[in-house]
Amino acid sequence: MLAELRENAAIEGVGALRYHRSRMDAEQFNRVSRALADPRRMEILERIASTDELACTTLASESEVSQPTISHHLKELSVAGLIKPRREAKFCYYRLDRKVWAGYLAEMRRRIPGRRKG
């Protein structure tokens, strides 16, 4: 477990080690899990995570679903804490909150540990 924390700290920066020391609370863990249960939201999260920041208009133009549906999915991801919005004039941009993502993965590993050798 300590090796995973060090690896995450190297990826996320020194602050990640402090973040992982406290467990993600059950309410947020459940919000994130529910948000990720929808395949469309998972696709949107993957697209946002593939870049530093992504405009809502870009997501809407790349998607087969309507702009209001995209907005709904973005709201669910935002409420779960997975993405952070930034407004600039009439445009909204989103980025992955990597600390929350790392915390979710750490909590998942804690709840469902890998197989032990032996």
PDB file of N, CA and C in Angstrom:
ATOM      1  N   MET A   1       0.830  -1.191   0.000  1.00  0.00           N
ATOM      2  CA  MET A   1       0.000   0.000   0.000  1.00  0.00           C
ATOM      3  C   MET A   1       0.875   1.255   0.000  1.00  0.00           C
ATOM      4  N   LEU A   2       1.934   1.268   0.774  1.00  0.00           N
ATOM      5  CA  LEU A   2       2.814   2.421   0.825  1.00  0.00           C
ATOM      6  C   LEU A   2       3.452   2.679  -0.531  1.00  0.00           C
ATOM      7  N   ALA A   3       3.790   1.616  -1.254  1.00  0.00           N
ATOM      8  CA  ALA A   3       4.366   1.778  -2.593  1.00  0.00           C
ATOM      9  C   ALA A   3       3.365   2.460  -3.513  1.00  0.00           C
ATOM     10  N   GLU A   4       2.071   2.098  -3.412  1.00  0.00           N
ATOM     11  CA  GLU A   4       1.038   2.738  -4.224  1.00  0.00           C
ATOM     12  C   GLU A   4       0.915   4.213  -3.868  1.00  0.00           C
ATOM     13  N   LEU A   5       0.966   4.522  -2.583  1.00  0.00           N
ATOM     14  CA  LEU A   5       0.876   5.914  -2.155  1.00  0.00           C
ATOM     15  C   LEU A   5       2.048   6.729  -2.690  1.00  0.00           C
ATOM     16  N   ARG A   6       3.241   6.135  -2.630  1.00  0.00           N
ATOM     17  CA  ARG A   6       4.417   6.838  -3.150  1.00  0.00           C
ATOM     18  C   ARG A   6       4.305   7.037  -4.648  1.00  0.00           C
ATOM     19  N   GLU A   7       3.814   6.018  -5.355  1.00  0.00           N
ATOM     20  CA  GLU A   7       3.636   6.132  -6.801  1.00  0.00           C
ATOM     21  C   GLU A   7       2.630   7.234  -7.121  1.00  0.00           C
ATOM     22  N   ASN A   8       1.506   7.254  -6.406  1.00  0.00           N
ATOM     23  CA  ASN A   8       0.512   8.305  -6.619  1.00  0.00           C
ATOM     24  C   ASN A   8       1.075   9.671  -6.271  1.00  0.00           C
ATOM     25  N   ALA A   9       1.876   9.742  -5.213  1.00  0.00           N
ATOM     26  CA  ALA A   9       2.473  11.012  -4.829  1.00  0.00           C
ATOM     27  C   ALA A   9       3.408  11.514  -5.919  1.00  0.00           C
ATOM     28  N   ALA A  10       4.141  10.601  -6.539  1.00  0.00           N
ATOM     29  CA  ALA A  10       5.044  10.996  -7.625  1.00  0.00           C
ATOM     30  C   ALA A  10       4.249  11.493  -8.811  1.00  0.00           C
ATOM     31  N   ILE A  11       3.111  10.857  -9.086  1.00  0.00           N
ATOM     32  CA  ILE A  11       2.282  11.263 -10.219  1.00  0.00           C
ATOM     33  C   ILE A  11       1.549  12.560  -9.914  1.00  0.00           C
ATOM     34  N   GLU A  12       0.952  12.646  -8.739  1.00  0.00           N
ATOM     35  CA  GLU A  12       0.097  13.766  -8.393  1.00  0.00           C
ATOM     36  C   GLU A  12       0.828  14.924  -7.721  1.00  0.00           C
ATOM     37  N   GLY A  13       2.032  14.702  -7.272  1.00  0.00           N
ATOM     38  CA  GLY A  13       2.742  15.723  -6.524  1.00  0.00           C
ATOM     39  C   GLY A  13       2.716  15.372  -5.049  1.00  0.00           C
ATOM     40  N   VAL A  14       3.457  16.104  -4.257  1.00  0.00           N
ATOM     41  CA  VAL A  14       3.609  15.793  -2.837  1.00  0.00           C
ATOM     42  C   VAL A  14       2.277  15.825  -2.102  1.00  0.00           C
ATOM     43  N   GLY A  15       1.350  16.702  -2.484  1.00  0.00           N
ATOM     44  CA  GLY A  15       0.065  16.826  -1.815  1.00  0.00           C
ATOM     45  C   GLY A  15      -0.764  15.562  -1.872  1.00  0.00           C
ATOM     46  N   ALA A  16      -0.545  14.724  -2.865  1.00  0.00           N
ATOM     47  CA  ALA A  16      -1.333  13.504  -3.015  1.00  0.00           C
ATOM     48  C   ALA A  16      -1.118  12.569  -1.833  1.00  0.00           C
ATOM     49  N   LEU A  17       0.079  12.531  -1.288  1.00  0.00           N
ATOM     50  CA  LEU A  17       0.361  11.658  -0.154  1.00  0.00           C
ATOM     51  C   LEU A  17      -0.481  12.088   1.051  1.00  0.00           C
ATOM     52  N   ARG A  18      -0.576  13.382   1.273  1.00  0.00           N
ATOM     53  CA  ARG A  18      -1.417  13.877   2.364  1.00  0.00           C
ATOM     54  C   ARG A  18      -2.879  13.539   2.109  1.00  0.00           C
ATOM     55  N   TYR A  19      -3.338  13.669   0.882  1.00  0.00           N
ATOM     56  CA  TYR A  19      -4.736  13.415   0.540  1.00  0.00           C
ATOM     57  C   TYR A  19      -5.115  11.967   0.803  1.00  0.00           C
ATOM     58  N   HIS A  20      -4.218  11.023   0.482  1.00  0.00           N
ATOM     59  CA  HIS A  20      -4.528   9.613   0.617  1.00  0.00           C
ATOM     60  C   HIS A  20      -4.543   9.138   2.058  1.00  0.00           C
ATOM     61  N   ARG A  21      -3.969   9.891   2.958  1.00  0.00           N
ATOM     62  CA  ARG A  21      -3.935   9.451   4.356  1.00  0.00           C
ATOM     63  C   ARG A  21      -5.334   9.394   4.951  1.00  0.00           C
ATOM     64  N   SER A  22      -6.197  10.308   4.512  1.00  0.00           N
ATOM     65  CA  SER A  22      -7.570  10.252   4.994  1.00  0.00           C
ATOM     66  C   SER A  22      -8.415   9.546   3.939  1.00  0.00           C
ATOM     67  N   ARG A  23      -9.264   8.665   4.392  1.00  0.00           N
ATOM     68  CA  ARG A  23     -10.097   7.895   3.475  1.00  0.00           C
ATOM     69  C   ARG A  23     -11.176   8.775   2.873  1.00  0.00           C
ATOM     70  N   MET A  24     -11.548   8.449   1.660  1.00  0.00           N
ATOM     71  CA  MET A  24     -12.678   9.112   1.026  1.00  0.00           C
ATOM     72  C   MET A  24     -13.920   8.697   1.811  1.00  0.00           C
ATOM     73  N   ASP A  25     -14.765   9.665   2.162  1.00  0.00           N
ATOM     74  CA  ASP A  25     -15.947   9.293   2.938  1.00  0.00           C
ATOM     75  C   ASP A  25     -16.917   8.484   2.077  1.00  0.00           C
ATOM     76  N   ALA A  26     -17.739   7.708   2.750  1.00  0.00           N
ATOM     77  CA  ALA A  26     -18.649   6.771   2.075  1.00  0.00           C
ATOM     78  C   ALA A  26     -19.607   7.490   1.140  1.00  0.00           C
ATOM     79  N   GLU A  27     -20.072   8.670   1.540  1.00  0.00           N
ATOM     80  CA  GLU A  27     -21.023   9.413   0.708  1.00  0.00           C
ATOM     81  C   GLU A  27     -20.391   9.807  -0.632  1.00  0.00           C
ATOM     82  N   GLN A  28     -19.175  10.346  -0.588  1.00  0.00           N
ATOM     83  CA  GLN A  28     -18.530  10.728  -1.844  1.00  0.00           C
ATOM     84  C   GLN A  28     -18.171   9.494  -2.669  1.00  0.00           C
ATOM     85  N   PHE A  29     -17.711   8.436  -2.025  1.00  0.00           N
ATOM     86  CA  PHE A  29     -17.397   7.204  -2.735  1.00  0.00           C
ATOM     87  C   PHE A  29     -18.627   6.710  -3.495  1.00  0.00           C
ATOM     88  N   ASN A  30     -19.788   6.745  -2.849  1.00  0.00           N
ATOM     89  CA  ASN A  30     -21.019   6.311  -3.499  1.00  0.00           C
ATOM     90  C   ASN A  30     -21.436   7.242  -4.631  1.00  0.00           C
ATOM     91  N   ARG A  31     -21.255   8.553  -4.444  1.00  0.00           N
ATOM     92  CA  ARG A  31     -21.575   9.510  -5.525  1.00  0.00           C
ATOM     93  C   ARG A  31     -20.715   9.243  -6.749  1.00  0.00           C
ATOM     94  N   VAL A  32     -19.409   9.028  -6.528  1.00  0.00           N
ATOM     95  CA  VAL A  32     -18.495   8.760  -7.642  1.00  0.00           C
ATOM     96  C   VAL A  32     -18.871   7.447  -8.319  1.00  0.00           C
ATOM     97  N   SER A  33     -19.142   6.428  -7.537  1.00  0.00           N
ATOM     98  CA  SER A  33     -19.510   5.124  -8.099  1.00  0.00           C
ATOM     99  C   SER A  33     -20.772   5.221  -8.945  1.00  0.00           C
ATOM    100  N   ARG A  34     -21.776   5.942  -8.450  1.00  0.00           N
ATOM    101  CA  ARG A  34     -23.016   6.114  -9.217  1.00  0.00           C
ATOM    102  C   ARG A  34     -22.759   6.887 -10.502  1.00  0.00           C
ATOM    103  N   ALA A  35     -21.925   7.915 -10.424  1.00  0.00           N
ATOM    104  CA  ALA A  35     -21.623   8.708 -11.621  1.00  0.00           C
ATOM    105  C   ALA A  35     -20.926   7.855 -12.676  1.00  0.00           C
ATOM    106  N   LEU A  36     -20.023   6.996 -12.237  1.00  0.00           N
ATOM    107  CA  LEU A  36     -19.260   6.173 -13.182  1.00  0.00           C
ATOM    108  C   LEU A  36     -20.047   4.972 -13.691  1.00  0.00           C
ATOM    109  N   ALA A  37     -21.185   4.663 -13.078  1.00  0.00           N
ATOM    110  CA  ALA A  37     -21.985   3.508 -13.495  1.00  0.00           C
ATOM    111  C   ALA A  37     -22.636   3.736 -14.857  1.00  0.00           C
ATOM    112  N   ASP A  38     -22.782   4.988 -15.257  1.00  0.00           N
ATOM    113  CA  ASP A  38     -23.382   5.291 -16.557  1.00  0.00           C
ATOM    114  C   ASP A  38     -22.298   5.277 -17.630  1.00  0.00           C
ATOM    115  N   PRO A  39     -22.426   4.429 -18.647  1.00  0.00           N
ATOM    116  CA  PRO A  39     -21.383   4.330 -19.682  1.00  0.00           C
ATOM    117  C   PRO A  39     -21.106   5.655 -20.407  1.00  0.00           C
ATOM    118  N   ARG A  40     -22.137   6.463 -20.620  1.00  0.00           N
ATOM    119  CA  ARG A  40     -21.945   7.749 -21.305  1.00  0.00           C
ATOM    120  C   ARG A  40     -21.100   8.682 -20.439  1.00  0.00           C
ATOM    121  N   ARG A  41     -21.381   8.703 -19.125  1.00  0.00           N
ATOM    122  CA  ARG A  41     -20.589   9.559 -18.234  1.00  0.00           C
ATOM    123  C   ARG A  41     -19.141   9.091 -18.175  1.00  0.00           C
ATOM    124  N   MET A  42     -18.944   7.777 -18.194  1.00  0.00           N
ATOM    125  CA  MET A  42     -17.575   7.251 -18.192  1.00  0.00           C
ATOM    126  C   MET A  42     -16.846   7.697 -19.454  1.00  0.00           C
ATOM    127  N   GLU A  43     -17.511   7.668 -20.595  1.00  0.00           N
ATOM    128  CA  GLU A  43     -16.921   8.138 -21.855  1.00  0.00           C
ATOM    129  C   GLU A  43     -16.552   9.618 -21.757  1.00  0.00           C
ATOM    130  N   ILE A  44     -17.455  10.398 -21.194  1.00  0.00           N
ATOM    131  CA  ILE A  44     -17.209  11.841 -21.048  1.00  0.00           C
ATOM    132  C   ILE A  44     -16.017  12.069 -20.125  1.00  0.00           C
ATOM    133  N   LEU A  45     -15.963  11.337 -19.014  1.00  0.00           N
ATOM    134  CA  LEU A  45     -14.839  11.485 -18.083  1.00  0.00           C
ATOM    135  C   LEU A  45     -13.525  11.108 -18.763  1.00  0.00           C
ATOM    136  N   GLU A  46     -13.525  10.029 -19.519  1.00  0.00           N
ATOM    137  CA  GLU A  46     -12.316   9.621 -20.242  1.00  0.00           C
ATOM    138  C   GLU A  46     -11.875  10.716 -21.209  1.00  0.00           C
ATOM    139  N   ARG A  47     -12.835  11.325 -21.891  1.00  0.00           N
ATOM    140  CA  ARG A  47     -12.497  12.391 -22.855  1.00  0.00           C
ATOM    141  C   ARG A  47     -11.903  13.599 -22.135  1.00  0.00           C
ATOM    142  N   ILE A  48     -12.502  13.984 -21.010  1.00  0.00           N
ATOM    143  CA  ILE A  48     -11.986  15.125 -20.237  1.00  0.00           C
ATOM    144  C   ILE A  48     -10.595  14.805 -19.688  1.00  0.00           C
ATOM    145  N   ALA A  49     -10.403  13.585 -19.200  1.00  0.00           N
ATOM    146  CA  ALA A  49      -9.123  13.185 -18.611  1.00  0.00           C
ATOM    147  C   ALA A  49      -8.007  13.108 -19.650  1.00  0.00           C
ATOM    148  N   SER A  50      -8.366  13.004 -20.921  1.00  0.00           N
ATOM    149  CA  SER A  50      -7.351  12.874 -21.969  1.00  0.00           C
ATOM    150  C   SER A  50      -6.665  14.195 -22.302  1.00  0.00           C
ATOM    151  N   THR A  51      -7.150  15.283 -21.717  1.00  0.00           N
ATOM    152  CA  THR A  51      -6.575  16.602 -21.971  1.00  0.00           C
ATOM    153  C   THR A  51      -6.558  17.401 -20.677  1.00  0.00           C
ATOM    154  N   ASP A  52      -5.882  18.535 -20.697  1.00  0.00           N
ATOM    155  CA  ASP A  52      -5.841  19.370 -19.488  1.00  0.00           C
ATOM    156  C   ASP A  52      -7.206  19.955 -19.157  1.00  0.00           C
ATOM    157  N   GLU A  53      -7.913  20.380 -20.203  1.00  0.00           N
ATOM    158  CA  GLU A  53      -9.191  21.047 -20.020  1.00  0.00           C
ATOM    159  C   GLU A  53      -9.987  20.922 -21.312  1.00  0.00           C
ATOM    160  N   LEU A  54     -11.308  20.800 -21.191  1.00  0.00           N
ATOM    161  CA  LEU A  54     -12.137  20.599 -22.376  1.00  0.00           C
ATOM    162  C   LEU A  54     -13.395  21.448 -22.277  1.00  0.00           C
ATOM    163  N   ALA A  55     -13.743  22.096 -23.373  1.00  0.00           N
ATOM    164  CA  ALA A  55     -14.940  22.934 -23.413  1.00  0.00           C
ATOM    165  C   ALA A  55     -16.186  22.071 -23.564  1.00  0.00           C
ATOM    166  N   CYS A  56     -17.258  22.497 -22.932  1.00  0.00           N
ATOM    167  CA  CYS A  56     -18.539  21.805 -23.047  1.00  0.00           C
ATOM    168  C   CYS A  56     -18.974  21.762 -24.515  1.00  0.00           C
ATOM    169  N   THR A  57     -18.742  22.838 -25.249  1.00  0.00           N
ATOM    170  CA  THR A  57     -19.128  22.872 -26.663  1.00  0.00           C
ATOM    171  C   THR A  57     -18.382  21.818 -27.472  1.00  0.00           C
ATOM    172  N   THR A  58     -17.133  21.556 -27.126  1.00  0.00           N
ATOM    173  CA  THR A  58     -16.359  20.515 -27.808  1.00  0.00           C
ATOM    174  C   THR A  58     -16.970  19.142 -27.534  1.00  0.00           C
ATOM    175  N   LEU A  59     -17.305  18.884 -26.277  1.00  0.00           N
ATOM    176  CA  LEU A  59     -17.950  17.619 -25.932  1.00  0.00           C
ATOM    177  C   LEU A  59     -19.263  17.448 -26.694  1.00  0.00           C
ATOM    178  N   ALA A  60     -20.048  18.506 -26.731  1.00  0.00           N
ATOM    179  CA  ALA A  60     -21.346  18.435 -27.410  1.00  0.00           C
ATOM    180  C   ALA A  60     -21.177  18.187 -28.904  1.00  0.00           C
ATOM    181  N   SER A  61     -20.187  18.815 -29.517  1.00  0.00           N
ATOM    182  CA  SER A  61     -19.995  18.641 -30.959  1.00  0.00           C
ATOM    183  C   SER A  61     -19.457  17.251 -31.307  1.00  0.00           C
ATOM    184  N   GLU A  62     -18.762  16.623 -30.382  1.00  0.00           N
ATOM    185  CA  GLU A  62     -18.201  15.287 -30.611  1.00  0.00           C
ATOM    186  C   GLU A  62     -19.176  14.163 -30.262  1.00  0.00           C
ATOM    187  N   SER A  63     -20.259  14.499 -29.600  1.00  0.00           N
ATOM    188  CA  SER A  63     -21.161  13.485 -29.071  1.00  0.00           C
ATOM    189  C   SER A  63     -22.372  13.258 -29.965  1.00  0.00           C
ATOM    190  N   GLU A  64     -22.948  12.089 -29.816  1.00  0.00           N
ATOM    191  CA  GLU A  64     -24.162  11.736 -30.550  1.00  0.00           C
ATOM    192  C   GLU A  64     -25.419  12.134 -29.779  1.00  0.00           C
ATOM    193  N   VAL A  65     -25.258  12.616 -28.556  1.00  0.00           N
ATOM    194  CA  VAL A  65     -26.411  13.012 -27.753  1.00  0.00           C
ATOM    195  C   VAL A  65     -26.529  14.530 -27.731  1.00  0.00           C
ATOM    196  N   SER A  66     -27.681  15.007 -27.300  1.00  0.00           N
ATOM    197  CA  SER A  66     -27.953  16.442 -27.313  1.00  0.00           C
ATOM    198  C   SER A  66     -27.120  17.198 -26.287  1.00  0.00           C
ATOM    199  N   GLN A  67     -27.007  18.496 -26.492  1.00  0.00           N
ATOM    200  CA  GLN A  67     -26.256  19.350 -25.573  1.00  0.00           C
ATOM    201  C   GLN A  67     -26.857  19.332 -24.170  1.00  0.00           C
ATOM    202  N   PRO A  68     -28.204  19.373 -24.024  1.00  0.00           N
ATOM    203  CA  PRO A  68     -28.767  19.279 -22.668  1.00  0.00           C
ATOM    204  C   PRO A  68     -28.411  17.960 -21.955  1.00  0.00           C
ATOM    205  N   THR A  69     -28.339  16.872 -22.708  1.00  0.00           N
ATOM    206  CA  THR A  69     -27.964  15.585 -22.116  1.00  0.00           C
ATOM    207  C   THR A  69     -26.512  15.615 -21.668  1.00  0.00           C
ATOM    208  N   ILE A  70     -25.644  16.202 -22.499  1.00  0.00           N
ATOM    209  CA  ILE A  70     -24.230  16.362 -22.116  1.00  0.00           C
ATOM    210  C   ILE A  70     -24.142  17.190 -20.833  1.00  0.00           C
ATOM    211  N   SER A  71     -24.892  18.278 -20.775  1.00  0.00           N
ATOM    212  CA  SER A  71     -24.882  19.138 -19.584  1.00  0.00           C
ATOM    213  C   SER A  71     -25.324  18.375 -18.345  1.00  0.00           C
ATOM    214  N   HIS A  72     -26.326  17.533 -18.489  1.00  0.00           N
ATOM    215  CA  HIS A  72     -26.789  16.725 -17.351  1.00  0.00           C
ATOM    216  C   HIS A  72     -25.667  15.794 -16.860  1.00  0.00           C
ATOM    217  N   HIS A  73     -25.009  15.126 -17.794  1.00  0.00           N
ATOM    218  CA  HIS A  73     -23.923  14.221 -17.416  1.00  0.00           C
ATOM    219  C   HIS A  73     -22.769  14.987 -16.761  1.00  0.00           C
ATOM    220  N   LEU A  74     -22.459  16.156 -17.289  1.00  0.00           N
ATOM    221  CA  LEU A  74     -21.397  16.987 -16.705  1.00  0.00           C
ATOM    222  C   LEU A  74     -21.764  17.405 -15.285  1.00  0.00           C
ATOM    223  N   LYS A  75     -23.038  17.729 -15.072  1.00  0.00           N
ATOM    224  CA  LYS A  75     -23.481  18.105 -13.725  1.00  0.00           C
ATOM    225  C   LYS A  75     -23.299  16.933 -12.760  1.00  0.00           C
ATOM    226  N   GLU A  76     -23.671  15.732 -13.181  1.00  0.00           N
ATOM    227  CA  GLU A  76     -23.521  14.555 -12.320  1.00  0.00           C
ATOM    228  C   GLU A  76     -22.054  14.296 -11.988  1.00  0.00           C
ATOM    229  N   LEU A  77     -21.178  14.428 -12.972  1.00  0.00           N
ATOM    230  CA  LEU A  77     -19.739  14.235 -12.738  1.00  0.00           C
ATOM    231  C   LEU A  77     -19.193  15.312 -11.800  1.00  0.00           C
ATOM    232  N   SER A  78     -19.714  16.528 -11.952  1.00  0.00           N
ATOM    233  CA  SER A  78     -19.282  17.645 -11.113  1.00  0.00           C
ATOM    234  C   SER A  78     -19.766  17.462  -9.664  1.00  0.00           C
ATOM    235  N   VAL A  79     -21.018  17.067  -9.488  1.00  0.00           N
ATOM    236  CA  VAL A  79     -21.572  16.828  -8.148  1.00  0.00           C
ATOM    237  C   VAL A  79     -20.797  15.717  -7.448  1.00  0.00           C
ATOM    238  N   ALA A  80     -20.363  14.730  -8.210  1.00  0.00           N
ATOM    239  CA  ALA A  80     -19.570  13.635  -7.640  1.00  0.00           C
ATOM    240  C   ALA A  80     -18.160  14.098  -7.272  1.00  0.00           C
ATOM    241  N   GLY A  81     -17.759  15.269  -7.768  1.00  0.00           N
ATOM    242  CA  GLY A  81     -16.439  15.806  -7.462  1.00  0.00           C
ATOM    243  C   GLY A  81     -15.359  15.376  -8.436  1.00  0.00           C
ATOM    244  N   LEU A  82     -15.738  14.660  -9.490  1.00  0.00           N
ATOM    245  CA  LEU A  82     -14.749  14.138 -10.435  1.00  0.00           C
ATOM    246  C   LEU A  82     -14.197  15.193 -11.392  1.00  0.00           C
ATOM    247  N   ILE A  83     -14.997  16.202 -11.695  1.00  0.00           N
ATOM    248  CA  ILE A  83     -14.540  17.245 -12.608  1.00  0.00           C
ATOM    249  C   ILE A  83     -14.756  18.609 -11.968  1.00  0.00           C
ATOM    250  N   LYS A  84     -13.959  19.558 -12.430  1.00  0.00           N
ATOM    251  CA  LYS A  84     -14.073  20.933 -11.950  1.00  0.00           C
ATOM    252  C   LYS A  84     -14.394  21.836 -13.133  1.00  0.00           C
ATOM    253  N   PRO A  85     -15.447  22.640 -12.997  1.00  0.00           N
ATOM    254  CA  PRO A  85     -15.788  23.563 -14.072  1.00  0.00           C
ATOM    255  C   PRO A  85     -15.036  24.889 -13.940  1.00  0.00           C
ATOM    256  N   ARG A  86     -14.836  25.536 -15.080  1.00  0.00           N
ATOM    257  CA  ARG A  86     -14.276  26.885 -15.106  1.00  0.00           C
ATOM    258  C   ARG A  86     -15.037  27.671 -16.165  1.00  0.00           C
ATOM    259  N   ARG A  87     -15.587  28.796 -15.755  1.00  0.00           N
ATOM    260  CA  ARG A  87     -16.335  29.633 -16.695  1.00  0.00           C
ATOM    261  C   ARG A  87     -15.439  30.731 -17.247  1.00  0.00           C
ATOM    262  N   GLU A  88     -15.602  30.969 -18.538  1.00  0.00           N
ATOM    263  CA  GLU A  88     -14.918  32.074 -19.203  1.00  0.00           C
ATOM    264  C   GLU A  88     -15.918  32.673 -20.178  1.00  0.00           C
ATOM    265  N   ALA A  89     -16.432  33.861 -19.823  1.00  0.00           N
ATOM    266  CA  ALA A  89     -17.510  34.503 -20.569  1.00  0.00           C
ATOM    267  C   ALA A  89     -18.698  33.539 -20.611  1.00  0.00           C
ATOM    268  N   LYS A  90     -19.188  33.205 -21.786  1.00  0.00           N
ATOM    269  CA  LYS A  90     -20.340  32.309 -21.871  1.00  0.00           C
ATOM    270  C   LYS A  90     -19.942  30.844 -22.045  1.00  0.00           C
ATOM    271  N   PHE A  91     -18.660  30.556 -21.999  1.00  0.00           N
ATOM    272  CA  PHE A  91     -18.178  29.194 -22.200  1.00  0.00           C
ATOM    273  C   PHE A  91     -17.809  28.541 -20.867  1.00  0.00           C
ATOM    274  N   CYS A  92     -17.978  27.222 -20.825  1.00  0.00           N
ATOM    275  CA  CYS A  92     -17.607  26.471 -19.629  1.00  0.00           C
ATOM    276  C   CYS A  92     -16.617  25.383 -20.022  1.00  0.00           C
ATOM    277  N   TYR A  93     -15.558  25.269 -19.237  1.00  0.00           N
ATOM    278  CA  TYR A  93     -14.501  24.296 -19.477  1.00  0.00           C
ATOM    279  C   TYR A  93     -14.430  23.360 -18.278  1.00  0.00           C
ATOM    280  N   TYR A  94     -14.054  22.117 -18.541  1.00  0.00           N
ATOM    281  CA  TYR A  94     -13.982  21.120 -17.480  1.00  0.00           C
ATOM    282  C   TYR A  94     -12.626  20.445 -17.469  1.00  0.00           C
ATOM    283  N   ARG A  95     -12.195  20.089 -16.252  1.00  0.00           N
ATOM    284  CA  ARG A  95     -10.960  19.326 -16.095  1.00  0.00           C
ATOM    285  C   ARG A  95     -11.180  18.276 -15.019  1.00  0.00           C
ATOM    286  N   LEU A  96     -10.437  17.196 -15.131  1.00  0.00           N
ATOM    287  CA  LEU A  96     -10.512  16.119 -14.150  1.00  0.00           C
ATOM    288  C   LEU A  96      -9.895  16.597 -12.838  1.00  0.00           C
ATOM    289  N   ASP A  97     -10.568  16.328 -11.736  1.00  0.00           N
ATOM    290  CA  ASP A  97      -9.981  16.587 -10.418  1.00  0.00           C
ATOM    291  C   ASP A  97      -9.168  15.349 -10.064  1.00  0.00           C
ATOM    292  N   ARG A  98      -7.889  15.393 -10.340  1.00  0.00           N
ATOM    293  CA  ARG A  98      -7.023  14.220 -10.192  1.00  0.00           C
ATOM    294  C   ARG A  98      -6.877  13.776  -8.732  1.00  0.00           C
ATOM    295  N   LYS A  99      -7.024  14.693  -7.793  1.00  0.00           N
ATOM    296  CA  LYS A  99      -6.951  14.299  -6.377  1.00  0.00           C
ATOM    297  C   LYS A  99      -8.157  13.439  -6.002  1.00  0.00           C
ATOM    298  N   VAL A 100      -9.329  13.830  -6.458  1.00  0.00           N
ATOM    299  CA  VAL A 100     -10.526  13.042  -6.174  1.00  0.00           C
ATOM    300  C   VAL A 100     -10.426  11.689  -6.871  1.00  0.00           C
ATOM    301  N   TRP A 101      -9.965  11.695  -8.131  1.00  0.00           N
ATOM    302  CA  TRP A 101      -9.819  10.443  -8.868  1.00  0.00           C
ATOM    303  C   TRP A 101      -8.842   9.501  -8.151  1.00  0.00           C
ATOM    304  N   ALA A 102      -7.699  10.026  -7.729  1.00  0.00           N
ATOM    305  CA  ALA A 102      -6.711   9.216  -7.014  1.00  0.00           C
ATOM    306  C   ALA A 102      -7.278   8.716  -5.695  1.00  0.00           C
ATOM    307  N   GLY A 103      -8.045   9.559  -5.007  1.00  0.00           N
ATOM    308  CA  GLY A 103      -8.674   9.149  -3.748  1.00  0.00           C
ATOM    309  C   GLY A 103      -9.692   8.039  -3.964  1.00  0.00           C
ATOM    310  N   TYR A 104     -10.451   8.130  -5.060  1.00  0.00           N
ATOM    311  CA  TYR A 104     -11.429   7.088  -5.377  1.00  0.00           C
ATOM    312  C   TYR A 104     -10.719   5.765  -5.656  1.00  0.00           C
ATOM    313  N   LEU A 105      -9.658   5.814  -6.450  1.00  0.00           N
ATOM    314  CA  LEU A 105      -8.912   4.590  -6.764  1.00  0.00           C
ATOM    315  C   LEU A 105      -8.301   3.980  -5.505  1.00  0.00           C
ATOM    316  N   ALA A 106      -7.770   4.828  -4.631  1.00  0.00           N
ATOM    317  CA  ALA A 106      -7.186   4.332  -3.376  1.00  0.00           C
ATOM    318  C   ALA A 106      -8.258   3.686  -2.501  1.00  0.00           C
ATOM    319  N   GLU A 107      -9.422   4.309  -2.446  1.00  0.00           N
ATOM    320  CA  GLU A 107     -10.513   3.758  -1.641  1.00  0.00           C
ATOM    321  C   GLU A 107     -11.000   2.437  -2.244  1.00  0.00           C
ATOM    322  N   MET A 108     -11.040   2.356  -3.554  1.00  0.00           N
ATOM    323  CA  MET A 108     -11.440   1.119  -4.224  1.00  0.00           C
ATOM    324  C   MET A 108     -10.440   0.005  -3.894  1.00  0.00           C
ATOM    325  N   ARG A 109      -9.144   0.334  -3.931  1.00  0.00           N
ATOM    326  CA  ARG A 109      -8.113  -0.657  -3.591  1.00  0.00           C
ATOM    327  C   ARG A 109      -8.231  -1.090  -2.129  1.00  0.00           C
ATOM    328  N   ARG A 110      -8.578  -0.155  -1.252  1.00  0.00           N
ATOM    329  CA  ARG A 110      -8.733  -0.480   0.158  1.00  0.00           C
ATOM    330  C   ARG A 110      -9.922  -1.413   0.354  1.00  0.00           C
ATOM    331  N   ARG A 111     -11.024  -1.122  -0.326  1.00  0.00           N
ATOM    332  CA  ARG A 111     -12.233  -1.924  -0.170  1.00  0.00           C
ATOM    333  C   ARG A 111     -12.138  -3.274  -0.862  1.00  0.00           C
ATOM    334  N   ILE A 112     -11.460  -3.323  -1.988  1.00  0.00           N
ATOM    335  CA  ILE A 112     -11.342  -4.562  -2.756  1.00  0.00           C
ATOM    336  C   ILE A 112      -9.858  -4.816  -3.004  1.00  0.00           C
ATOM    337  N   PRO A 113      -9.171  -5.369  -2.019  1.00  0.00           N
ATOM    338  CA  PRO A 113      -7.723  -5.589  -2.164  1.00  0.00           C
ATOM    339  C   PRO A 113      -7.424  -6.653  -3.228  1.00  0.00           C
ATOM    340  N   GLY A 114      -6.246  -6.559  -3.804  1.00  0.00           N
ATOM    341  CA  GLY A 114      -5.813  -7.558  -4.787  1.00  0.00           C
ATOM    342  C   GLY A 114      -5.566  -8.901  -4.134  1.00  0.00           C
ATOM    343  N   ARG A 115      -5.394  -9.900  -4.957  1.00  0.00           N
ATOM    344  CA  ARG A 115      -5.112 -11.235  -4.422  1.00  0.00           C
ATOM    345  C   ARG A 115      -3.754 -11.246  -3.743  1.00  0.00           C
ATOM    346  N   ARG A 116      -3.697 -11.971  -2.682  1.00  0.00           N
ATOM    347  CA  ARG A 116      -2.441 -12.115  -1.950  1.00  0.00           C
ATOM    348  C   ARG A 116      -1.702 -13.337  -2.497  1.00  0.00           C
ATOM    349  N   LYS A 117      -0.392 -13.209  -2.570  1.00  0.00           N
ATOM    350  CA  LYS A 117       0.430 -14.335  -3.026  1.00  0.00           C
ATOM    351  C   LYS A 117       0.551 -15.343  -1.897  1.00  0.00           C
ATOM    352  N   GLY A 118       0.598 -16.596  -2.285  1.00  0.00           N
ATOM    353  CA  GLY A 118       0.859 -17.601  -1.268  1.00  0.00           C
ATOM    354  C   GLY A 118      -0.211 -18.517  -1.117  1.00  0.00           C
TER     355      GLY A 118
END
